[in-house]
Amino acid sequence: MNTHINTGKFGEQIALNYLTEKGYSVLETNYRNKIGEVDIIAYDNDILAFIEVKTRMGNDYGYAYESVNSRKQKKIANTSLMYIQKNKLYDVQVRFDVIEVYPMEKTSINHFENAFSL
């Protein structure tokens, strides 16, 4: 596996630990369907959160959350709609989050709740 993939998987594990410590109930990791992928799907109390995790070793190329552009947002939203339909979750409140992970000397995590909407 290449370094880029290893960094991403490492960041997703850090994000999972962070969410678990905050009391989230994780339903899925790396959920895929024919449209795309969502890194983490979890309940935050009664809100279903679709979470994109971005890991960077620094911000030389901008902040991690900036890479979740409108095209990526649309893909995540459409993937989540298929998940909702497949699981018949029609009357659940939904939000889209982005988590930035910077695993340097001291790991830094930024969690943007409601980072974007449909």
PDB file of N, CA and C in Angstrom:
ATOM      1  N   MET A   1       0.848  -1.184   0.000  1.00  0.00           N
ATOM      2  CA  MET A   1       0.000   0.000   0.000  1.00  0.00           C
ATOM      3  C   MET A   1       0.891   1.244   0.000  1.00  0.00           C
ATOM      4  N   ASN A   2       0.480   2.255  -0.732  1.00  0.00           N
ATOM      5  CA  ASN A   2       1.321   3.445  -0.794  1.00  0.00           C
ATOM      6  C   ASN A   2       1.140   4.347   0.431  1.00  0.00           C
ATOM      7  N   THR A   3       2.060   5.281   0.562  1.00  0.00           N
ATOM      8  CA  THR A   3       2.077   6.173   1.719  1.00  0.00           C
ATOM      9  C   THR A   3       0.807   6.998   1.832  1.00  0.00           C
ATOM     10  N   HIS A   4       0.284   7.476   0.700  1.00  0.00           N
ATOM     11  CA  HIS A   4      -0.936   8.280   0.687  1.00  0.00           C
ATOM     12  C   HIS A   4      -2.110   7.508   1.297  1.00  0.00           C
ATOM     13  N   ILE A   5      -2.250   6.252   0.892  1.00  0.00           N
ATOM     14  CA  ILE A   5      -3.345   5.415   1.412  1.00  0.00           C
ATOM     15  C   ILE A   5      -3.128   5.135   2.896  1.00  0.00           C
ATOM     16  N   ASN A   6      -1.887   4.829   3.279  1.00  0.00           N
ATOM     17  CA  ASN A   6      -1.588   4.575   4.694  1.00  0.00           C
ATOM     18  C   ASN A   6      -1.898   5.793   5.553  1.00  0.00           C
ATOM     19  N   THR A   7      -1.554   6.976   5.069  1.00  0.00           N
ATOM     20  CA  THR A   7      -1.841   8.211   5.801  1.00  0.00           C
ATOM     21  C   THR A   7      -3.342   8.382   5.977  1.00  0.00           C
ATOM     22  N   GLY A   8      -4.098   8.136   4.914  1.00  0.00           N
ATOM     23  CA  GLY A   8      -5.556   8.248   4.978  1.00  0.00           C
ATOM     24  C   GLY A   8      -6.167   7.272   5.962  1.00  0.00           C
ATOM     25  N   LYS A   9      -5.738   6.025   5.916  1.00  0.00           N
ATOM     26  CA  LYS A   9      -6.268   5.005   6.836  1.00  0.00           C
ATOM     27  C   LYS A   9      -5.918   5.357   8.284  1.00  0.00           C
ATOM     28  N   PHE A  10      -4.697   5.851   8.503  1.00  0.00           N
ATOM     29  CA  PHE A  10      -4.267   6.259   9.838  1.00  0.00           C
ATOM     30  C   PHE A  10      -5.158   7.396  10.347  1.00  0.00           C
ATOM     31  N   GLY A  11      -5.413   8.382   9.490  1.00  0.00           N
ATOM     32  CA  GLY A  11      -6.277   9.503   9.850  1.00  0.00           C
ATOM     33  C   GLY A  11      -7.693   9.063  10.154  1.00  0.00           C
ATOM     34  N   GLU A  12      -8.218   8.124   9.375  1.00  0.00           N
ATOM     35  CA  GLU A  12      -9.571   7.619   9.616  1.00  0.00           C
ATOM     36  C   GLU A  12      -9.650   6.902  10.963  1.00  0.00           C
ATOM     37  N   GLN A  13      -8.599   6.178  11.336  1.00  0.00           N
ATOM     38  CA  GLN A  13      -8.590   5.503  12.635  1.00  0.00           C
ATOM     39  C   GLN A  13      -8.577   6.522  13.770  1.00  0.00           C
ATOM     40  N   ILE A  14      -7.793   7.581  13.617  1.00  0.00           N
ATOM     41  CA  ILE A  14      -7.770   8.652  14.621  1.00  0.00           C
ATOM     42  C   ILE A  14      -9.150   9.286  14.742  1.00  0.00           C
ATOM     43  N   ALA A  15      -9.791   9.539  13.590  1.00  0.00           N
ATOM     44  CA  ALA A  15     -11.138  10.137  13.587  1.00  0.00           C
ATOM     45  C   ALA A  15     -12.147   9.207  14.261  1.00  0.00           C
ATOM     46  N   LEU A  16     -12.051   7.906  13.989  1.00  0.00           N
ATOM     47  CA  LEU A  16     -12.948   6.936  14.634  1.00  0.00           C
ATOM     48  C   LEU A  16     -12.790   6.954  16.148  1.00  0.00           C
ATOM     49  N   ASN A  17     -11.556   6.964  16.616  1.00  0.00           N
ATOM     50  CA  ASN A  17     -11.300   7.014  18.059  1.00  0.00           C
ATOM     51  C   ASN A  17     -11.875   8.293  18.658  1.00  0.00           C
ATOM     52  N   TYR A  18     -11.680   9.409  17.972  1.00  0.00           N
ATOM     53  CA  TYR A  18     -12.191  10.707  18.413  1.00  0.00           C
ATOM     54  C   TYR A  18     -13.717  10.676  18.524  1.00  0.00           C
ATOM     55  N   LEU A  19     -14.383  10.163  17.482  1.00  0.00           N
ATOM     56  CA  LEU A  19     -15.844  10.118  17.475  1.00  0.00           C
ATOM     57  C   LEU A  19     -16.383   9.194  18.566  1.00  0.00           C
ATOM     58  N   THR A  20     -15.736   8.060  18.751  1.00  0.00           N
ATOM     59  CA  THR A  20     -16.150   7.116  19.783  1.00  0.00           C
ATOM     60  C   THR A  20     -16.036   7.756  21.166  1.00  0.00           C
ATOM     61  N   GLU A  21     -14.931   8.464  21.397  1.00  0.00           N
ATOM     62  CA  GLU A  21     -14.747   9.155  22.685  1.00  0.00           C
ATOM     63  C   GLU A  21     -15.820  10.223  22.907  1.00  0.00           C
ATOM     64  N   LYS A  22     -16.310  10.827  21.813  1.00  0.00           N
ATOM     65  CA  LYS A  22     -17.355  11.844  21.917  1.00  0.00           C
ATOM     66  C   LYS A  22     -18.757  11.235  22.030  1.00  0.00           C
ATOM     67  N   GLY A  23     -18.862   9.907  22.000  1.00  0.00           N
ATOM     68  CA  GLY A  23     -20.148   9.244  22.187  1.00  0.00           C
ATOM     69  C   GLY A  23     -20.914   8.931  20.914  1.00  0.00           C
ATOM     70  N   TYR A  24     -20.283   9.069  19.766  1.00  0.00           N
ATOM     71  CA  TYR A  24     -20.944   8.719  18.509  1.00  0.00           C
ATOM     72  C   TYR A  24     -21.098   7.201  18.418  1.00  0.00           C
ATOM     73  N   SER A  25     -22.167   6.761  17.751  1.00  0.00           N
ATOM     74  CA  SER A  25     -22.369   5.342  17.460  1.00  0.00           C
ATOM     75  C   SER A  25     -22.047   5.126  15.991  1.00  0.00           C
ATOM     76  N   VAL A  26     -20.939   4.492  15.729  1.00  0.00           N
ATOM     77  CA  VAL A  26     -20.479   4.297  14.349  1.00  0.00           C
ATOM     78  C   VAL A  26     -21.244   3.138  13.717  1.00  0.00           C
ATOM     79  N   LEU A  27     -21.850   3.406  12.554  1.00  0.00           N
ATOM     80  CA  LEU A  27     -22.602   2.386  11.823  1.00  0.00           C
ATOM     81  C   LEU A  27     -21.771   1.745  10.716  1.00  0.00           C
ATOM     82  N   GLU A  28     -21.003   2.593  10.014  1.00  0.00           N
ATOM     83  CA  GLU A  28     -20.244   2.126   8.853  1.00  0.00           C
ATOM     84  C   GLU A  28     -18.930   2.882   8.753  1.00  0.00           C
ATOM     85  N   THR A  29     -17.926   2.198   8.229  1.00  0.00           N
ATOM     86  CA  THR A  29     -16.698   2.867   7.821  1.00  0.00           C
ATOM     87  C   THR A  29     -16.432   2.481   6.378  1.00  0.00           C
ATOM     88  N   ASN A  30     -15.949   3.430   5.628  1.00  0.00           N
ATOM     89  CA  ASN A  30     -15.654   3.219   4.207  1.00  0.00           C
ATOM     90  C   ASN A  30     -16.845   2.605   3.467  1.00  0.00           C
ATOM     91  N   TYR A  31     -18.024   3.171   3.697  1.00  0.00           N
ATOM     92  CA  TYR A  31     -19.237   2.708   3.015  1.00  0.00           C
ATOM     93  C   TYR A  31     -19.140   3.072   1.533  1.00  0.00           C
ATOM     94  N   ARG A  32     -19.376   2.088   0.691  1.00  0.00           N
ATOM     95  CA  ARG A  32     -19.322   2.303  -0.767  1.00  0.00           C
ATOM     96  C   ARG A  32     -20.613   1.826  -1.426  1.00  0.00           C
ATOM     97  N   ASN A  33     -20.995   2.568  -2.455  1.00  0.00           N
ATOM     98  CA  ASN A  33     -22.043   2.102  -3.359  1.00  0.00           C
ATOM     99  C   ASN A  33     -21.633   2.532  -4.770  1.00  0.00           C
ATOM    100  N   LYS A  34     -22.538   2.384  -5.734  1.00  0.00           N
ATOM    101  CA  LYS A  34     -22.144   2.657  -7.116  1.00  0.00           C
ATOM    102  C   LYS A  34     -21.841   4.137  -7.383  1.00  0.00           C
ATOM    103  N   ILE A  35     -22.256   5.019  -6.486  1.00  0.00           N
ATOM    104  CA  ILE A  35     -22.017   6.453  -6.685  1.00  0.00           C
ATOM    105  C   ILE A  35     -20.684   6.889  -6.095  1.00  0.00           C
ATOM    106  N   GLY A  36     -20.378   6.388  -4.894  1.00  0.00           N
ATOM    107  CA  GLY A  36     -19.151   6.836  -4.263  1.00  0.00           C
ATOM    108  C   GLY A  36     -18.924   6.198  -2.910  1.00  0.00           C
ATOM    109  N   GLU A  37     -18.187   6.925  -2.058  1.00  0.00           N
ATOM    110  CA  GLU A  37     -17.820   6.417  -0.742  1.00  0.00           C
ATOM    111  C   GLU A  37     -18.012   7.502   0.309  1.00  0.00           C
ATOM    112  N   VAL A  38     -18.370   7.049   1.514  1.00  0.00           N
ATOM    113  CA  VAL A  38     -18.413   7.920   2.686  1.00  0.00           C
ATOM    114  C   VAL A  38     -17.484   7.277   3.709  1.00  0.00           C
ATOM    115  N   ASP A  39     -16.576   8.071   4.274  1.00  0.00           N
ATOM    116  CA  ASP A  39     -15.582   7.522   5.191  1.00  0.00           C
ATOM    117  C   ASP A  39     -16.208   6.944   6.453  1.00  0.00           C
ATOM    118  N   ILE A  40     -17.091   7.713   7.103  1.00  0.00           N
ATOM    119  CA  ILE A  40     -17.712   7.259   8.350  1.00  0.00           C
ATOM    120  C   ILE A  40     -19.189   7.671   8.359  1.00  0.00           C
ATOM    121  N   ILE A  41     -20.037   6.742   8.751  1.00  0.00           N
ATOM    122  CA  ILE A  41     -21.454   7.033   8.970  1.00  0.00           C
ATOM    123  C   ILE A  41     -21.715   6.707  10.430  1.00  0.00           C
ATOM    124  N   ALA A  42     -22.224   7.696  11.168  1.00  0.00           N
ATOM    125  CA  ALA A  42     -22.410   7.501  12.609  1.00  0.00           C
ATOM    126  C   ALA A  42     -23.570   8.337  13.123  1.00  0.00           C
ATOM    127  N   TYR A  43     -24.144   7.868  14.223  1.00  0.00           N
ATOM    128  CA  TYR A  43     -25.162   8.654  14.902  1.00  0.00           C
ATOM    129  C   TYR A  43     -24.513   9.516  15.966  1.00  0.00           C
ATOM    130  N   ASP A  44     -24.868  10.793  15.967  1.00  0.00           N
ATOM    131  CA  ASP A  44     -24.534  11.718  17.042  1.00  0.00           C
ATOM    132  C   ASP A  44     -25.866  11.985  17.727  1.00  0.00           C
ATOM    133  N   ASN A  45     -26.125  11.241  18.788  1.00  0.00           N
ATOM    134  CA  ASN A  45     -27.446  11.196  19.412  1.00  0.00           C
ATOM    135  C   ASN A  45     -28.452  10.743  18.361  1.00  0.00           C
ATOM    136  N   ASP A  46     -29.410  11.582  17.962  1.00  0.00           N
ATOM    137  CA  ASP A  46     -30.409  11.146  16.981  1.00  0.00           C
ATOM    138  C   ASP A  46     -30.148  11.713  15.585  1.00  0.00           C
ATOM    139  N   ILE A  47     -28.973  12.276  15.366  1.00  0.00           N
ATOM    140  CA  ILE A  47     -28.614  12.830  14.058  1.00  0.00           C
ATOM    141  C   ILE A  47     -27.672  11.870  13.343  1.00  0.00           C
ATOM    142  N   LEU A  48     -28.021  11.524  12.115  1.00  0.00           N
ATOM    143  CA  LEU A  48     -27.182  10.658  11.301  1.00  0.00           C
ATOM    144  C   LEU A  48     -26.145  11.523  10.595  1.00  0.00           C
ATOM    145  N   ALA A  49     -24.873  11.294  10.906  1.00  0.00           N
ATOM    146  CA  ALA A  49     -23.794  12.102  10.336  1.00  0.00           C
ATOM    147  C   ALA A  49     -23.026  11.302   9.301  1.00  0.00           C
ATOM    148  N   PHE A  50     -22.861  11.902   8.137  1.00  0.00           N
ATOM    149  CA  PHE A  50     -22.021  11.360   7.076  1.00  0.00           C
ATOM    150  C   PHE A  50     -20.726  12.172   7.132  1.00  0.00           C
ATOM    151  N   ILE A  51     -19.622  11.492   7.399  1.00  0.00           N
ATOM    152  CA  ILE A  51     -18.390  12.191   7.751  1.00  0.00           C
ATOM    153  C   ILE A  51     -17.274  11.888   6.763  1.00  0.00           C
ATOM    154  N   GLU A  52     -16.709  12.939   6.209  1.00  0.00           N
ATOM    155  CA  GLU A  52     -15.547  12.847   5.331  1.00  0.00           C
ATOM    156  C   GLU A  52     -14.316  13.167   6.166  1.00  0.00           C
ATOM    157  N   VAL A  53     -13.321  12.299   6.107  1.00  0.00           N
ATOM    158  CA  VAL A  53     -12.084  12.497   6.863  1.00  0.00           C
ATOM    159  C   VAL A  53     -10.967  12.863   5.890  1.00  0.00           C
ATOM    160  N   LYS A  54     -10.272  13.934   6.185  1.00  0.00           N
ATOM    161  CA  LYS A  54      -9.139  14.377   5.370  1.00  0.00           C
ATOM    162  C   LYS A  54      -7.910  14.459   6.258  1.00  0.00           C
ATOM    163  N   THR A  55      -6.865  13.773   5.861  1.00  0.00           N
ATOM    164  CA  THR A  55      -5.638  13.732   6.639  1.00  0.00           C
ATOM    165  C   THR A  55      -4.516  14.401   5.855  1.00  0.00           C
ATOM    166  N   ARG A  56      -3.783  15.258   6.519  1.00  0.00           N
ATOM    167  CA  ARG A  56      -2.659  15.961   5.887  1.00  0.00           C
ATOM    168  C   ARG A  56      -1.481  15.961   6.854  1.00  0.00           C
ATOM    169  N   MET A  57      -0.299  15.906   6.304  1.00  0.00           N
ATOM    170  CA  MET A  57       0.915  15.980   7.118  1.00  0.00           C
ATOM    171  C   MET A  57       1.310  17.440   7.369  1.00  0.00           C
ATOM    172  N   GLY A  58       0.609  18.350   6.755  1.00  0.00           N
ATOM    173  CA  GLY A  58       0.849  19.777   6.943  1.00  0.00           C
ATOM    174  C   GLY A  58      -0.148  20.542   6.097  1.00  0.00           C
ATOM    175  N   ASN A  59      -0.072  21.858   6.113  1.00  0.00           N
ATOM    176  CA  ASN A  59      -1.014  22.635   5.300  1.00  0.00           C
ATOM    177  C   ASN A  59      -0.299  23.420   4.201  1.00  0.00           C
ATOM    178  N   ASP A  60       0.794  22.856   3.686  1.00  0.00           N
ATOM    179  CA  ASP A  60       1.530  23.479   2.589  1.00  0.00           C
ATOM    180  C   ASP A  60       0.650  23.679   1.351  1.00  0.00           C
ATOM    181  N   TYR A  61      -0.309  22.788   1.161  1.00  0.00           N
ATOM    182  CA  TYR A  61      -1.190  22.858  -0.009  1.00  0.00           C
ATOM    183  C   TYR A  61      -2.596  23.290   0.365  1.00  0.00           C
ATOM    184  N   GLY A  62      -2.740  23.992   1.473  1.00  0.00           N
ATOM    185  CA  GLY A  62      -4.039  24.438   1.948  1.00  0.00           C
ATOM    186  C   GLY A  62      -4.522  23.539   3.070  1.00  0.00           C
ATOM    187  N   TYR A  63      -5.605  23.938   3.673  1.00  0.00           N
ATOM    188  CA  TYR A  63      -6.170  23.153   4.760  1.00  0.00           C
ATOM    189  C   TYR A  63      -6.900  21.935   4.207  1.00  0.00           C
ATOM    190  N   ALA A  64      -6.926  20.879   4.981  1.00  0.00           N
ATOM    191  CA  ALA A  64      -7.516  19.621   4.531  1.00  0.00           C
ATOM    192  C   ALA A  64      -8.972  19.778   4.119  1.00  0.00           C
ATOM    193  N   TYR A  65      -9.764  20.515   4.920  1.00  0.00           N
ATOM    194  CA  TYR A  65     -11.199  20.645   4.622  1.00  0.00           C
ATOM    195  C   TYR A  65     -11.439  21.313   3.266  1.00  0.00           C
ATOM    196  N   GLU A  66     -10.480  22.108   2.802  1.00  0.00           N
ATOM    197  CA  GLU A  66     -10.650  22.805   1.518  1.00  0.00           C
ATOM    198  C   GLU A  66     -10.716  21.837   0.338  1.00  0.00           C
ATOM    199  N   SER A  67     -10.218  20.621   0.520  1.00  0.00           N
ATOM    200  CA  SER A  67     -10.263  19.647  -0.574  1.00  0.00           C
ATOM    201  C   SER A  67     -11.649  19.018  -0.733  1.00  0.00           C
ATOM    202  N   VAL A  68     -12.553  19.303   0.196  1.00  0.00           N
ATOM    203  CA  VAL A  68     -13.927  18.810   0.072  1.00  0.00           C
ATOM    204  C   VAL A  68     -14.718  19.895  -0.676  1.00  0.00           C
ATOM    205  N   ASN A  69     -14.453  19.951  -1.969  1.00  0.00           N
ATOM    206  CA  ASN A  69     -15.057  20.980  -2.819  1.00  0.00           C
ATOM    207  C   ASN A  69     -16.499  20.620  -3.182  1.00  0.00           C
ATOM    208  N   SER A  70     -17.147  21.469  -3.949  1.00  0.00           N
ATOM    209  CA  SER A  70     -18.569  21.258  -4.268  1.00  0.00           C
ATOM    210  C   SER A  70     -18.804  19.946  -5.017  1.00  0.00           C
ATOM    211  N   ARG A  71     -17.885  19.556  -5.859  1.00  0.00           N
ATOM    212  CA  ARG A  71     -18.019  18.289  -6.591  1.00  0.00           C
ATOM    213  C   ARG A  71     -17.989  17.108  -5.612  1.00  0.00           C
ATOM    214  N   LYS A  72     -17.038  17.134  -4.679  1.00  0.00           N
ATOM    215  CA  LYS A  72     -16.914  16.078  -3.665  1.00  0.00           C
ATOM    216  C   LYS A  72     -18.142  16.078  -2.745  1.00  0.00           C
ATOM    217  N   GLN A  73     -18.618  17.258  -2.379  1.00  0.00           N
ATOM    218  CA  GLN A  73     -19.802  17.369  -1.527  1.00  0.00           C
ATOM    219  C   GLN A  73     -21.007  16.721  -2.197  1.00  0.00           C
ATOM    220  N   LYS A  74     -21.186  16.996  -3.474  1.00  0.00           N
ATOM    221  CA  LYS A  74     -22.313  16.439  -4.222  1.00  0.00           C
ATOM    222  C   LYS A  74     -22.226  14.912  -4.267  1.00  0.00           C
ATOM    223  N   LYS A  75     -21.024  14.399  -4.467  1.00  0.00           N
ATOM    224  CA  LYS A  75     -20.836  12.951  -4.516  1.00  0.00           C
ATOM    225  C   LYS A  75     -21.154  12.312  -3.164  1.00  0.00           C
ATOM    226  N   ILE A  76     -20.693  12.928  -2.083  1.00  0.00           N
ATOM    227  CA  ILE A  76     -20.989  12.422  -0.735  1.00  0.00           C
ATOM    228  C   ILE A  76     -22.496  12.477  -0.478  1.00  0.00           C
ATOM    229  N   ALA A  77     -23.132  13.582  -0.840  1.00  0.00           N
ATOM    230  CA  ALA A  77     -24.578  13.735  -0.626  1.00  0.00           C
ATOM    231  C   ALA A  77     -25.356  12.671  -1.398  1.00  0.00           C
ATOM    232  N   ASN A  78     -25.008  12.434  -2.653  1.00  0.00           N
ATOM    233  CA  ASN A  78     -25.717  11.428  -3.450  1.00  0.00           C
ATOM    234  C   ASN A  78     -25.466  10.018  -2.928  1.00  0.00           C
ATOM    235  N   THR A  79     -24.256   9.750  -2.482  1.00  0.00           N
ATOM    236  CA  THR A  79     -23.945   8.453  -1.874  1.00  0.00           C
ATOM    237  C   THR A  79     -24.777   8.254  -0.613  1.00  0.00           C
ATOM    238  N   SER A  80     -24.894   9.314   0.193  1.00  0.00           N
ATOM    239  CA  SER A  80     -25.664   9.220   1.438  1.00  0.00           C
ATOM    240  C   SER A  80     -27.157   9.022   1.153  1.00  0.00           C
ATOM    241  N   LEU A  81     -27.671   9.643   0.107  1.00  0.00           N
ATOM    242  CA  LEU A  81     -29.086   9.455  -0.241  1.00  0.00           C
ATOM    243  C   LEU A  81     -29.378   7.999  -0.584  1.00  0.00           C
ATOM    244  N   MET A  82     -28.454   7.360  -1.296  1.00  0.00           N
ATOM    245  CA  MET A  82     -28.627   5.934  -1.601  1.00  0.00           C
ATOM    246  C   MET A  82     -28.599   5.099  -0.317  1.00  0.00           C
ATOM    247  N   TYR A  83     -27.717   5.467   0.611  1.00  0.00           N
ATOM    248  CA  TYR A  83     -27.629   4.768   1.902  1.00  0.00           C
ATOM    249  C   TYR A  83     -28.953   4.903   2.669  1.00  0.00           C
ATOM    250  N   ILE A  84     -29.484   6.118   2.685  1.00  0.00           N
ATOM    251  CA  ILE A  84     -30.749   6.382   3.381  1.00  0.00           C
ATOM    252  C   ILE A  84     -31.886   5.562   2.763  1.00  0.00           C
ATOM    253  N   GLN A  85     -31.953   5.539   1.436  1.00  0.00           N
ATOM    254  CA  GLN A  85     -32.994   4.770   0.757  1.00  0.00           C
ATOM    255  C   GLN A  85     -32.841   3.271   1.018  1.00  0.00           C
ATOM    256  N   LYS A  86     -31.617   2.773   0.895  1.00  0.00           N
ATOM    257  CA  LYS A  86     -31.353   1.348   1.085  1.00  0.00           C
ATOM    258  C   LYS A  86     -31.754   0.899   2.490  1.00  0.00           C
ATOM    259  N   ASN A  87     -31.515   1.757   3.469  1.00  0.00           N
ATOM    260  CA  ASN A  87     -31.781   1.412   4.865  1.00  0.00           C
ATOM    261  C   ASN A  87     -33.107   1.961   5.392  1.00  0.00           C
ATOM    262  N   LYS A  88     -33.896   2.546   4.481  1.00  0.00           N
ATOM    263  CA  LYS A  88     -35.234   3.067   4.814  1.00  0.00           C
ATOM    264  C   LYS A  88     -35.204   4.003   6.030  1.00  0.00           C
ATOM    265  N   LEU A  89     -34.289   4.950   6.001  1.00  0.00           N
ATOM    266  CA  LEU A  89     -34.120   5.910   7.096  1.00  0.00           C
ATOM    267  C   LEU A  89     -34.752   7.245   6.732  1.00  0.00           C
ATOM    268  N   TYR A  90     -36.031   7.210   6.391  1.00  0.00           N
ATOM    269  CA  TYR A  90     -36.687   8.382   5.825  1.00  0.00           C
ATOM    270  C   TYR A  90     -36.977   9.500   6.818  1.00  0.00           C
ATOM    271  N   ASP A  91     -37.149   9.191   8.074  1.00  0.00           N
ATOM    272  CA  ASP A  91     -37.498  10.246   9.023  1.00  0.00           C
ATOM    273  C   ASP A  91     -36.370  10.480  10.039  1.00  0.00           C
ATOM    274  N   VAL A  92     -35.144  10.500   9.536  1.00  0.00           N
ATOM    275  CA  VAL A  92     -33.991  10.758  10.383  1.00  0.00           C
ATOM    276  C   VAL A  92     -33.363  12.089   9.974  1.00  0.00           C
ATOM    277  N   GLN A  93     -32.885  12.822  10.962  1.00  0.00           N
ATOM    278  CA  GLN A  93     -32.197  14.079  10.670  1.00  0.00           C
ATOM    279  C   GLN A  93     -30.765  13.753  10.238  1.00  0.00           C
ATOM    280  N   VAL A  94     -30.297  14.433   9.189  1.00  0.00           N
ATOM    281  CA  VAL A  94     -28.995  14.135   8.585  1.00  0.00           C
ATOM    282  C   VAL A  94     -28.121  15.380   8.579  1.00  0.00           C
ATOM    283  N   ARG A  95     -26.822  15.161   8.726  1.00  0.00           N
ATOM    284  CA  ARG A  95     -25.884  16.263   8.533  1.00  0.00           C
ATOM    285  C   ARG A  95     -24.600  15.714   7.916  1.00  0.00           C
ATOM    286  N   PHE A  96     -23.832  16.635   7.353  1.00  0.00           N
ATOM    287  CA  PHE A  96     -22.578  16.279   6.693  1.00  0.00           C
ATOM    288  C   PHE A  96     -21.428  16.982   7.406  1.00  0.00           C
ATOM    289  N   ASP A  97     -20.478  16.192   7.893  1.00  0.00           N
ATOM    290  CA  ASP A  97     -19.341  16.711   8.635  1.00  0.00           C
ATOM    291  C   ASP A  97     -18.046  16.465   7.871  1.00  0.00           C
ATOM    292  N   VAL A  98     -17.050  17.254   8.201  1.00  0.00           N
ATOM    293  CA  VAL A  98     -15.689  17.026   7.719  1.00  0.00           C
ATOM    294  C   VAL A  98     -14.785  17.026   8.947  1.00  0.00           C
ATOM    295  N   ILE A  99     -13.903  16.040   8.995  1.00  0.00           N
ATOM    296  CA  ILE A  99     -12.898  15.990  10.053  1.00  0.00           C
ATOM    297  C   ILE A  99     -11.526  16.086   9.408  1.00  0.00           C
ATOM    298  N   GLU A 100     -10.746  17.055   9.871  1.00  0.00           N
ATOM    299  CA  GLU A 100      -9.356  17.188   9.442  1.00  0.00           C
ATOM    300  C   GLU A 100      -8.475  16.526  10.494  1.00  0.00           C
ATOM    301  N   VAL A 101      -7.506  15.751  10.030  1.00  0.00           N
ATOM    302  CA  VAL A 101      -6.540  15.141  10.936  1.00  0.00           C
ATOM    303  C   VAL A 101      -5.146  15.537  10.466  1.00  0.00           C
ATOM    304  N   TYR A 102      -4.366  16.072  11.391  1.00  0.00           N
ATOM    305  CA  TYR A 102      -2.970  16.424  11.137  1.00  0.00           C
ATOM    306  C   TYR A 102      -2.114  15.613  12.117  1.00  0.00           C
ATOM    307  N   PRO A 103      -1.637  14.430  11.691  1.00  0.00           N
ATOM    308  CA  PRO A 103      -0.907  13.543  12.613  1.00  0.00           C
ATOM    309  C   PRO A 103       0.585  13.867  12.676  1.00  0.00           C
ATOM    310  N   MET A 104       0.914  15.028  13.192  1.00  0.00           N
ATOM    311  CA  MET A 104       2.310  15.410  13.305  1.00  0.00           C
ATOM    312  C   MET A 104       2.788  15.117  14.720  1.00  0.00           C
ATOM    313  N   GLU A 105       3.752  15.857  15.233  1.00  0.00           N
ATOM    314  CA  GLU A 105       4.283  15.592  16.577  1.00  0.00           C
ATOM    315  C   GLU A 105       3.160  15.478  17.596  1.00  0.00           C
ATOM    316  N   LYS A 106       2.258  16.441  17.564  1.00  0.00           N
ATOM    317  CA  LYS A 106       1.065  16.392  18.409  1.00  0.00           C
ATOM    318  C   LYS A 106      -0.127  16.380  17.450  1.00  0.00           C
ATOM    319  N   THR A 107      -0.865  15.284  17.444  1.00  0.00           N
ATOM    320  CA  THR A 107      -1.975  15.138  16.512  1.00  0.00           C
ATOM    321  C   THR A 107      -3.025  16.215  16.757  1.00  0.00           C
ATOM    322  N   SER A 108      -3.446  16.823  15.670  1.00  0.00           N
ATOM    323  CA  SER A 108      -4.466  17.865  15.722  1.00  0.00           C
ATOM    324  C   SER A 108      -5.694  17.392  14.944  1.00  0.00           C
ATOM    325  N   ILE A 109      -6.863  17.584  15.539  1.00  0.00           N
ATOM    326  CA  ILE A 109      -8.129  17.194  14.905  1.00  0.00           C
ATOM    327  C   ILE A 109      -9.050  18.406  14.901  1.00  0.00           C
ATOM    328  N   ASN A 110      -9.622  18.689  13.735  1.00  0.00           N
ATOM    329  CA  ASN A 110     -10.640  19.729  13.612  1.00  0.00           C
ATOM    330  C   ASN A 110     -11.897  19.075  13.077  1.00  0.00           C
ATOM    331  N   HIS A 111     -12.998  19.244  13.800  1.00  0.00           N
ATOM    332  CA  HIS A 111     -14.270  18.631  13.405  1.00  0.00           C
ATOM    333  C   HIS A 111     -15.242  19.734  13.023  1.00  0.00           C
ATOM    334  N   PHE A 112     -15.643  19.727  11.756  1.00  0.00           N
ATOM    335  CA  PHE A 112     -16.593  20.707  11.241  1.00  0.00           C
ATOM    336  C   PHE A 112     -17.951  20.031  11.107  1.00  0.00           C
ATOM    337  N   GLU A 113     -18.817  20.260  12.095  1.00  0.00           N
ATOM    338  CA  GLU A 113     -20.176  19.720  12.017  1.00  0.00           C
ATOM    339  C   GLU A 113     -20.978  20.590  11.066  1.00  0.00           C
ATOM    340  N   ASN A 114     -21.887  19.982  10.316  1.00  0.00           N
ATOM    341  CA  ASN A 114     -22.674  20.710   9.318  1.00  0.00           C
ATOM    342  C   ASN A 114     -21.774  21.479   8.351  1.00  0.00           C
ATOM    343  N   ALA A 115     -20.716  20.822   7.884  1.00  0.00           N
ATOM    344  CA  ALA A 115     -19.751  21.465   7.004  1.00  0.00           C
ATOM    345  C   ALA A 115     -20.371  21.871   5.665  1.00  0.00           C
ATOM    346  N   PHE A 116     -21.377  21.106   5.242  1.00  0.00           N
ATOM    347  CA  PHE A 116     -22.110  21.433   4.007  1.00  0.00           C
ATOM    348  C   PHE A 116     -23.477  20.794   4.080  1.00  0.00           C
ATOM    349  N   SER A 117     -24.347  21.176   3.148  1.00  0.00           N
ATOM    350  CA  SER A 117     -25.698  20.609   3.120  1.00  0.00           C
ATOM    351  C   SER A 117     -26.057  20.218   1.698  1.00  0.00           C
ATOM    352  N   LEU A 118     -27.192  19.549   1.558  1.00  0.00           N
ATOM    353  CA  LEU A 118     -27.648  19.095   0.227  1.00  0.00           C
ATOM    354  C   LEU A 118     -27.951  20.257  -0.690  1.00  0.00           C
TER     355      LEU A 118
END
